[in-house]
Amino acid sequence: MSQIDQYIDAYAAGPKLLRDAVAGMTREQLIARPVPGKWSTLELVCHIADFEPVYADRIKRIIVENEPTMFGGDPDQFAARLAYHERDLETELAMIDAVRKHVVGILKTLPPEAYARVGRHSSDGPLTLETILKRISNHIQHHLPFLKEKRAALGLK
């Protein structure tokens, strides 16, 4: 299995890992901030949901356009202004799952050389499609320890 295939598999597996990590939590537990200075579980899930379409757009633009410009986004500004605690967990999880299934279908059609295509990030500079895929394939996995920490602080397994 190639490195690209491993990234695609990790990307595709993320939604189930996230769903499992938040399973059984009440609304009160989802919006609690049991770890001082850290987002609630719902805020973290909304953060992931908000950046899924951003990464999908980056991936598609790199595939389609010649060195497209990709803009960064401040996660804290998203959290402050996009009503994270008013949002529905199931809707957010469904969004993440749908975007990833959609993008995986596209990624699996690409020839290996497509992963060397480049986009220009507003703050990170030139990035290959492979680099973008590697970053997003690890995004949910990166946040799982933080979710586990929140569950533990709430007395949940």
N, C-alpha and C. Protein backbone atom coordinates (compact mmCIF):
# COMPACT_ATOMS: atom_id res chain seq x y z
N MET A 1 0.85 -1.19 0.00
CA MET A 1 0.00 0.00 0.00
C MET A 1 0.89 1.24 0.00
N SER A 2 0.58 2.18 -0.88
CA SER A 2 1.39 3.39 -0.98
C SER A 2 1.10 4.35 0.18
N GLN A 3 1.99 5.31 0.36
CA GLN A 3 1.79 6.34 1.39
C GLN A 3 0.50 7.11 1.12
N ILE A 4 0.22 7.41 -0.15
CA ILE A 4 -1.01 8.12 -0.51
C ILE A 4 -2.22 7.30 -0.09
N ASP A 5 -2.22 6.01 -0.38
CA ASP A 5 -3.34 5.14 0.01
C ASP A 5 -3.51 5.14 1.53
N GLN A 6 -2.42 5.16 2.26
CA GLN A 6 -2.50 5.21 3.72
C GLN A 6 -3.15 6.51 4.18
N TYR A 7 -2.78 7.63 3.56
CA TYR A 7 -3.40 8.92 3.90
C TYR A 7 -4.90 8.90 3.60
N ILE A 8 -5.25 8.36 2.44
CA ILE A 8 -6.67 8.29 2.07
C ILE A 8 -7.43 7.42 3.07
N ASP A 9 -6.87 6.29 3.45
CA ASP A 9 -7.53 5.41 4.42
C ASP A 9 -7.69 6.09 5.77
N ALA A 10 -6.65 6.80 6.22
CA ALA A 10 -6.73 7.52 7.50
C ALA A 10 -7.78 8.63 7.42
N TYR A 11 -7.82 9.32 6.30
CA TYR A 11 -8.81 10.39 6.08
C TYR A 11 -10.23 9.81 6.12
N ALA A 12 -10.43 8.68 5.44
CA ALA A 12 -11.74 8.04 5.41
C ALA A 12 -12.16 7.50 6.78
N ALA A 13 -11.20 7.07 7.58
CA ALA A 13 -11.50 6.49 8.89
C ALA A 13 -11.82 7.53 9.96
N GLY A 14 -11.43 8.77 9.74
CA GLY A 14 -11.59 9.81 10.75
C GLY A 14 -12.99 10.00 11.29
N PRO A 15 -14.02 10.09 10.45
CA PRO A 15 -15.37 10.34 10.98
C PRO A 15 -15.85 9.30 11.99
N LYS A 16 -15.55 8.02 11.75
CA LYS A 16 -15.97 7.00 12.72
C LYS A 16 -15.21 7.16 14.04
N LEU A 17 -13.93 7.46 13.95
CA LEU A 17 -13.15 7.68 15.17
C LEU A 17 -13.73 8.84 15.98
N LEU A 18 -14.10 9.90 15.29
CA LEU A 18 -14.67 11.06 15.96
C LEU A 18 -16.02 10.72 16.57
N ARG A 19 -16.86 10.05 15.80
CA ARG A 19 -18.19 9.66 16.30
C ARG A 19 -18.04 8.78 17.55
N ASP A 20 -17.12 7.84 17.51
CA ASP A 20 -16.89 6.96 18.67
C ASP A 20 -16.40 7.76 19.88
N ALA A 21 -15.58 8.78 19.63
CA ALA A 21 -15.01 9.58 20.72
C ALA A 21 -16.05 10.43 21.45
N VAL A 22 -17.15 10.74 20.79
CA VAL A 22 -18.18 11.59 21.43
C VAL A 22 -19.45 10.81 21.76
N ALA A 23 -19.44 9.52 21.51
CA ALA A 23 -20.62 8.68 21.72
C ALA A 23 -21.11 8.75 23.17
N GLY A 24 -22.42 8.85 23.30
CA GLY A 24 -23.04 8.79 24.63
C GLY A 24 -22.98 10.06 25.44
N MET A 25 -22.43 11.12 24.92
CA MET A 25 -22.33 12.37 25.69
C MET A 25 -23.65 13.13 25.64
N THR A 26 -24.02 13.69 26.77
CA THR A 26 -25.22 14.51 26.84
C THR A 26 -24.92 15.90 26.29
N ARG A 27 -25.96 16.66 26.02
CA ARG A 27 -25.77 18.04 25.54
C ARG A 27 -24.94 18.83 26.55
N GLU A 28 -25.24 18.66 27.83
CA GLU A 28 -24.50 19.38 28.88
C GLU A 28 -23.03 19.01 28.87
N GLN A 29 -22.73 17.74 28.68
CA GLN A 29 -21.34 17.30 28.62
C GLN A 29 -20.65 17.83 27.36
N LEU A 30 -21.39 17.89 26.26
CA LEU A 30 -20.83 18.39 25.01
C LEU A 30 -20.42 19.86 25.09
N ILE A 31 -21.20 20.66 25.82
CA ILE A 31 -20.89 22.10 25.88
C ILE A 31 -20.07 22.49 27.11
N ALA A 32 -19.82 21.52 27.99
CA ALA A 32 -18.99 21.79 29.17
C ALA A 32 -17.54 22.05 28.73
N ARG A 33 -16.87 22.86 29.51
CA ARG A 33 -15.44 23.11 29.29
C ARG A 33 -14.68 22.62 30.53
N PRO A 34 -14.54 21.30 30.66
CA PRO A 34 -13.95 20.73 31.87
C PRO A 34 -12.44 20.94 32.00
N VAL A 35 -11.80 21.30 30.90
CA VAL A 35 -10.36 21.54 30.92
C VAL A 35 -10.16 23.05 30.73
N PRO A 36 -9.69 23.74 31.76
CA PRO A 36 -9.55 25.19 31.69
C PRO A 36 -8.74 25.64 30.47
N GLY A 37 -9.26 26.66 29.79
CA GLY A 37 -8.57 27.23 28.65
C GLY A 37 -8.73 26.46 27.35
N LYS A 38 -9.52 25.39 27.36
CA LYS A 38 -9.70 24.56 26.17
C LYS A 38 -11.16 24.61 25.72
N TRP A 39 -11.37 24.35 24.44
CA TRP A 39 -12.71 24.30 23.89
C TRP A 39 -13.52 23.15 24.50
N SER A 40 -14.82 23.29 24.41
CA SER A 40 -15.71 22.19 24.78
C SER A 40 -15.63 21.12 23.68
N THR A 41 -16.22 19.97 23.96
CA THR A 41 -16.27 18.91 22.95
C THR A 41 -17.04 19.38 21.72
N LEU A 42 -18.17 20.03 21.90
CA LEU A 42 -18.95 20.49 20.75
C LEU A 42 -18.17 21.54 19.95
N GLU A 43 -17.48 22.42 20.63
CA GLU A 43 -16.66 23.41 19.92
C GLU A 43 -15.58 22.72 19.08
N LEU A 44 -14.97 21.70 19.63
CA LEU A 44 -13.94 20.98 18.89
C LEU A 44 -14.53 20.28 17.66
N VAL A 45 -15.69 19.66 17.82
CA VAL A 45 -16.34 19.00 16.68
C VAL A 45 -16.73 20.03 15.62
N CYS A 46 -17.26 21.17 16.05
CA CYS A 46 -17.62 22.23 15.10
C CYS A 46 -16.38 22.76 14.37
N HIS A 47 -15.29 22.88 15.07
CA HIS A 47 -14.03 23.29 14.44
C HIS A 47 -13.67 22.33 13.30
N ILE A 48 -13.73 21.05 13.58
CA ILE A 48 -13.42 20.05 12.56
C ILE A 48 -14.40 20.19 11.39
N ALA A 49 -15.69 20.30 11.71
CA ALA A 49 -16.71 20.42 10.66
C ALA A 49 -16.50 21.67 9.80
N ASP A 50 -16.09 22.76 10.41
CA ASP A 50 -15.89 24.00 9.65
C ASP A 50 -14.70 23.92 8.71
N PHE A 51 -13.69 23.16 9.09
CA PHE A 51 -12.50 23.08 8.24
C PHE A 51 -12.55 21.95 7.22
N GLU A 52 -13.52 21.05 7.32
CA GLU A 52 -13.66 20.01 6.30
C GLU A 52 -13.93 20.60 4.92
N PRO A 53 -14.92 21.50 4.75
CA PRO A 53 -15.12 22.06 3.41
C PRO A 53 -13.96 22.94 2.95
N VAL A 54 -13.25 23.56 3.88
CA VAL A 54 -12.08 24.36 3.52
C VAL A 54 -11.03 23.44 2.89
N TYR A 55 -10.74 22.33 3.52
CA TYR A 55 -9.77 21.40 2.97
C TYR A 55 -10.27 20.75 1.69
N ALA A 56 -11.57 20.45 1.60
CA ALA A 56 -12.12 19.89 0.36
C ALA A 56 -11.91 20.88 -0.79
N ASP A 57 -12.13 22.16 -0.52
CA ASP A 57 -11.92 23.18 -1.55
C ASP A 57 -10.44 23.24 -1.95
N ARG A 58 -9.56 23.20 -0.98
CA ARG A 58 -8.12 23.23 -1.29
C ARG A 58 -7.74 22.05 -2.17
N ILE A 59 -8.21 20.87 -1.80
CA ILE A 59 -7.90 19.66 -2.56
C ILE A 59 -8.41 19.79 -3.99
N LYS A 60 -9.65 20.21 -4.15
CA LYS A 60 -10.23 20.33 -5.49
C LYS A 60 -9.51 21.38 -6.32
N ARG A 61 -9.19 22.50 -5.72
CA ARG A 61 -8.50 23.56 -6.46
C ARG A 61 -7.12 23.12 -6.92
N ILE A 62 -6.40 22.39 -6.09
CA ILE A 62 -5.08 21.90 -6.48
C ILE A 62 -5.21 20.92 -7.65
N ILE A 63 -6.23 20.08 -7.61
CA ILE A 63 -6.44 19.12 -8.68
C ILE A 63 -6.77 19.84 -9.99
N VAL A 64 -7.59 20.88 -9.91
CA VAL A 64 -8.16 21.51 -11.09
C VAL A 64 -7.37 22.70 -11.61
N GLU A 65 -6.85 23.53 -10.71
CA GLU A 65 -6.23 24.79 -11.10
C GLU A 65 -4.71 24.70 -11.09
N ASN A 66 -4.08 25.65 -11.75
CA ASN A 66 -2.63 25.71 -11.78
C ASN A 66 -2.15 26.59 -10.62
N GLU A 67 -1.58 25.96 -9.60
CA GLU A 67 -1.06 26.65 -8.41
C GLU A 67 -2.05 27.66 -7.81
N PRO A 68 -3.22 27.17 -7.41
CA PRO A 68 -4.22 28.08 -6.84
C PRO A 68 -3.76 28.66 -5.50
N THR A 69 -4.31 29.82 -5.19
CA THR A 69 -4.08 30.42 -3.88
C THR A 69 -5.08 29.83 -2.90
N MET A 70 -4.58 29.45 -1.72
CA MET A 70 -5.41 28.89 -0.65
C MET A 70 -5.23 29.79 0.57
N PHE A 71 -6.32 30.16 1.16
CA PHE A 71 -6.26 31.07 2.30
C PHE A 71 -6.39 30.33 3.62
N GLY A 72 -5.65 30.80 4.60
CA GLY A 72 -5.73 30.25 5.94
C GLY A 72 -6.96 30.80 6.65
N GLY A 73 -7.24 30.24 7.80
CA GLY A 73 -8.34 30.70 8.63
C GLY A 73 -7.97 30.53 10.09
N ASP A 74 -8.37 31.49 10.91
CA ASP A 74 -8.07 31.44 12.34
C ASP A 74 -9.15 30.64 13.07
N PRO A 75 -8.82 29.45 13.57
CA PRO A 75 -9.82 28.62 14.24
C PRO A 75 -10.51 29.32 15.41
N ASP A 76 -9.80 30.18 16.13
CA ASP A 76 -10.42 30.87 17.26
C ASP A 76 -11.47 31.88 16.80
N GLN A 77 -11.24 32.52 15.65
CA GLN A 77 -12.24 33.44 15.12
C GLN A 77 -13.47 32.68 14.64
N PHE A 78 -13.25 31.52 14.02
CA PHE A 78 -14.38 30.67 13.63
C PHE A 78 -15.20 30.33 14.88
N ALA A 79 -14.52 29.88 15.92
CA ALA A 79 -15.21 29.47 17.15
C ALA A 79 -15.96 30.63 17.79
N ALA A 80 -15.38 31.82 17.75
CA ALA A 80 -16.00 32.98 18.39
C ALA A 80 -17.22 33.49 17.64
N ARG A 81 -17.27 33.26 16.34
CA ARG A 81 -18.30 33.92 15.53
C ARG A 81 -19.29 32.99 14.84
N LEU A 82 -19.11 31.69 14.99
CA LEU A 82 -19.98 30.77 14.24
C LEU A 82 -20.87 29.91 15.13
N ALA A 83 -21.25 30.44 16.27
CA ALA A 83 -22.29 29.85 17.14
C ALA A 83 -22.06 28.36 17.44
N TYR A 84 -20.86 28.03 17.84
CA TYR A 84 -20.53 26.63 18.06
C TYR A 84 -21.43 25.96 19.10
N HIS A 85 -21.79 26.64 20.17
CA HIS A 85 -22.63 26.01 21.19
C HIS A 85 -24.10 25.97 20.83
N GLU A 86 -24.47 26.60 19.74
CA GLU A 86 -25.87 26.56 19.28
C GLU A 86 -26.07 25.48 18.22
N ARG A 87 -25.00 24.85 17.81
CA ARG A 87 -25.06 23.89 16.72
C ARG A 87 -25.36 22.48 17.22
N ASP A 88 -25.83 21.66 16.30
CA ASP A 88 -26.26 20.29 16.61
C ASP A 88 -25.13 19.30 16.31
N LEU A 89 -24.78 18.48 17.29
CA LEU A 89 -23.69 17.53 17.15
C LEU A 89 -23.90 16.62 15.95
N GLU A 90 -25.08 16.05 15.80
CA GLU A 90 -25.32 15.10 14.71
C GLU A 90 -25.16 15.77 13.34
N THR A 91 -25.61 17.00 13.22
CA THR A 91 -25.45 17.73 11.96
C THR A 91 -23.97 17.92 11.63
N GLU A 92 -23.19 18.27 12.65
CA GLU A 92 -21.75 18.48 12.45
C GLU A 92 -21.05 17.17 12.05
N LEU A 93 -21.40 16.08 12.73
CA LEU A 93 -20.80 14.79 12.41
C LEU A 93 -21.19 14.34 11.00
N ALA A 94 -22.45 14.57 10.62
CA ALA A 94 -22.91 14.21 9.28
C ALA A 94 -22.17 15.01 8.21
N MET A 95 -21.92 16.28 8.50
CA MET A 95 -21.18 17.13 7.56
C MET A 95 -19.77 16.58 7.33
N ILE A 96 -19.10 16.27 8.41
CA ILE A 96 -17.74 15.73 8.33
C ILE A 96 -17.74 14.44 7.51
N ASP A 97 -18.67 13.56 7.82
CA ASP A 97 -18.75 12.28 7.12
C ASP A 97 -19.04 12.47 5.64
N ALA A 98 -20.00 13.32 5.31
CA ALA A 98 -20.37 13.54 3.91
C ALA A 98 -19.22 14.15 3.11
N VAL A 99 -18.57 15.16 3.66
CA VAL A 99 -17.46 15.80 2.94
C VAL A 99 -16.34 14.79 2.70
N ARG A 100 -16.01 14.03 3.71
CA ARG A 100 -14.91 13.07 3.54
C ARG A 100 -15.25 11.98 2.54
N LYS A 101 -16.48 11.46 2.58
CA LYS A 101 -16.86 10.45 1.59
C LYS A 101 -16.78 11.03 0.18
N HIS A 102 -17.25 12.24 0.02
CA HIS A 102 -17.22 12.92 -1.27
C HIS A 102 -15.78 13.07 -1.78
N VAL A 103 -14.90 13.56 -0.93
CA VAL A 103 -13.52 13.80 -1.33
C VAL A 103 -12.77 12.49 -1.57
N VAL A 104 -13.01 11.47 -0.74
CA VAL A 104 -12.36 10.18 -0.95
C VAL A 104 -12.69 9.64 -2.33
N GLY A 105 -13.95 9.78 -2.76
CA GLY A 105 -14.34 9.32 -4.08
C GLY A 105 -13.53 9.99 -5.18
N ILE A 106 -13.21 11.26 -5.00
CA ILE A 106 -12.39 11.99 -5.96
C ILE A 106 -10.93 11.54 -5.88
N LEU A 107 -10.39 11.48 -4.67
CA LEU A 107 -8.98 11.14 -4.49
C LEU A 107 -8.63 9.78 -5.08
N LYS A 108 -9.56 8.83 -4.96
CA LYS A 108 -9.28 7.48 -5.45
C LYS A 108 -9.21 7.39 -6.97
N THR A 109 -9.65 8.43 -7.66
CA THR A 109 -9.59 8.42 -9.13
C THR A 109 -8.30 9.02 -9.68
N LEU A 110 -7.50 9.64 -8.82
CA LEU A 110 -6.34 10.40 -9.30
C LEU A 110 -5.14 9.51 -9.58
N PRO A 111 -4.39 9.86 -10.63
CA PRO A 111 -3.12 9.16 -10.87
C PRO A 111 -2.09 9.63 -9.84
N PRO A 112 -1.09 8.82 -9.57
CA PRO A 112 -0.08 9.18 -8.56
C PRO A 112 0.55 10.56 -8.77
N GLU A 113 0.78 10.95 -10.01
CA GLU A 113 1.44 12.23 -10.27
C GLU A 113 0.58 13.43 -9.85
N ALA A 114 -0.71 13.25 -9.71
CA ALA A 114 -1.59 14.36 -9.30
C ALA A 114 -1.24 14.85 -7.89
N TYR A 115 -0.70 13.97 -7.07
CA TYR A 115 -0.40 14.33 -5.68
C TYR A 115 0.82 15.24 -5.56
N ALA A 116 1.53 15.45 -6.68
CA ALA A 116 2.65 16.39 -6.70
C ALA A 116 2.20 17.79 -7.12
N ARG A 117 0.93 17.94 -7.52
CA ARG A 117 0.43 19.27 -7.90
C ARG A 117 0.51 20.19 -6.70
N VAL A 118 0.65 21.49 -6.95
CA VAL A 118 0.94 22.46 -5.90
C VAL A 118 -0.13 23.55 -5.83
N GLY A 119 -0.43 23.94 -4.59
CA GLY A 119 -1.23 25.13 -4.32
C GLY A 119 -0.39 26.06 -3.47
N ARG A 120 -0.75 27.34 -3.45
CA ARG A 120 0.02 28.33 -2.68
C ARG A 120 -0.83 28.82 -1.52
N HIS A 121 -0.42 28.42 -0.32
CA HIS A 121 -1.12 28.81 0.90
C HIS A 121 -0.71 30.22 1.31
N SER A 122 -1.67 31.00 1.78
CA SER A 122 -1.40 32.41 2.10
C SER A 122 -0.35 32.59 3.19
N SER A 123 -0.21 31.63 4.08
CA SER A 123 0.83 31.78 5.10
C SER A 123 1.89 30.67 5.05
N ASP A 124 1.54 29.49 4.55
CA ASP A 124 2.48 28.37 4.52
C ASP A 124 3.24 28.23 3.21
N GLY A 125 2.88 29.03 2.21
CA GLY A 125 3.59 28.95 0.93
C GLY A 125 3.14 27.77 0.10
N PRO A 126 4.03 27.29 -0.79
CA PRO A 126 3.65 26.20 -1.69
C PRO A 126 3.46 24.88 -0.93
N LEU A 127 2.35 24.20 -1.24
CA LEU A 127 2.05 22.91 -0.63
C LEU A 127 1.55 21.97 -1.71
N THR A 128 2.03 20.74 -1.68
CA THR A 128 1.55 19.75 -2.65
C THR A 128 0.21 19.19 -2.18
N LEU A 129 -0.47 18.58 -3.14
CA LEU A 129 -1.72 17.88 -2.79
C LEU A 129 -1.43 16.81 -1.75
N GLU A 130 -0.31 16.11 -1.88
CA GLU A 130 0.04 15.10 -0.89
C GLU A 130 0.17 15.71 0.51
N THR A 131 0.79 16.86 0.61
CA THR A 131 0.95 17.53 1.91
C THR A 131 -0.41 17.93 2.50
N ILE A 132 -1.27 18.47 1.66
CA ILE A 132 -2.62 18.85 2.12
C ILE A 132 -3.36 17.61 2.60
N LEU A 133 -3.30 16.53 1.83
CA LEU A 133 -3.96 15.28 2.22
C LEU A 133 -3.39 14.75 3.53
N LYS A 134 -2.09 14.80 3.67
CA LYS A 134 -1.46 14.33 4.92
C LYS A 134 -1.97 15.14 6.10
N ARG A 135 -2.04 16.46 5.95
CA ARG A 135 -2.51 17.32 7.04
C ARG A 135 -3.94 17.00 7.44
N ILE A 136 -4.84 16.93 6.45
CA ILE A 136 -6.25 16.72 6.79
C ILE A 136 -6.50 15.28 7.23
N SER A 137 -5.71 14.34 6.73
CA SER A 137 -5.93 12.95 7.14
C SER A 137 -5.61 12.75 8.62
N ASN A 138 -4.80 13.63 9.18
CA ASN A 138 -4.43 13.54 10.60
C ASN A 138 -5.24 14.50 11.48
N HIS A 139 -6.11 15.31 10.91
CA HIS A 139 -6.77 16.35 11.70
C HIS A 139 -7.63 15.77 12.83
N ILE A 140 -8.48 14.83 12.51
CA ILE A 140 -9.32 14.24 13.55
C ILE A 140 -8.46 13.48 14.55
N GLN A 141 -7.54 12.66 14.05
CA GLN A 141 -6.67 11.89 14.95
C GLN A 141 -5.88 12.81 15.88
N HIS A 142 -5.47 13.96 15.39
CA HIS A 142 -4.76 14.94 16.21
C HIS A 142 -5.62 15.39 17.40
N HIS A 143 -6.93 15.52 17.18
CA HIS A 143 -7.81 16.03 18.24
C HIS A 143 -8.34 14.94 19.18
N LEU A 144 -8.19 13.68 18.85
CA LEU A 144 -8.72 12.61 19.70
C LEU A 144 -8.18 12.63 21.14
N PRO A 145 -6.89 12.88 21.37
CA PRO A 145 -6.42 12.93 22.76
C PRO A 145 -7.09 14.06 23.56
N PHE A 146 -7.40 15.17 22.90
CA PHE A 146 -8.06 16.28 23.59
C PHE A 146 -9.49 15.89 23.97
N LEU A 147 -10.16 15.14 23.09
CA LEU A 147 -11.51 14.65 23.41
C LEU A 147 -11.46 13.67 24.56
N LYS A 148 -10.46 12.81 24.55
CA LYS A 148 -10.29 11.83 25.64
C LYS A 148 -10.05 12.56 26.96
N GLU A 149 -9.24 13.60 26.92
CA GLU A 149 -8.95 14.41 28.11
C GLU A 149 -10.24 15.04 28.67
N LYS A 150 -11.10 15.54 27.78
CA LYS A 150 -12.36 16.16 28.21
C LYS A 150 -13.27 15.11 28.83
N ARG A 151 -13.36 13.94 28.19
CA ARG A 151 -14.20 12.86 28.74
C ARG A 151 -13.71 12.48 30.14
N ALA A 152 -12.40 12.33 30.29
CA ALA A 152 -11.84 11.96 31.59
C ALA A 152 -12.15 13.02 32.64
N ALA A 153 -12.02 14.28 32.26
CA ALA A 153 -12.30 15.38 33.21
C ALA A 153 -13.77 15.42 33.60
N LEU A 154 -14.64 14.89 32.75
CA LEU A 154 -16.07 14.82 33.05
C LEU A 154 -16.43 13.51 33.75
N GLY A 155 -15.45 12.65 33.98
CA GLY A 155 -15.71 11.36 34.64
C GLY A 155 -16.28 10.32 33.71
N LEU A 156 -16.09 10.49 32.40
CA LEU A 156 -16.60 9.53 31.42
C LEU A 156 -15.46 8.66 30.92
N LYS A 157 -15.81 7.45 30.47
CA LYS A 157 -14.81 6.54 29.90
C LYS A 157 -14.57 6.88 28.45
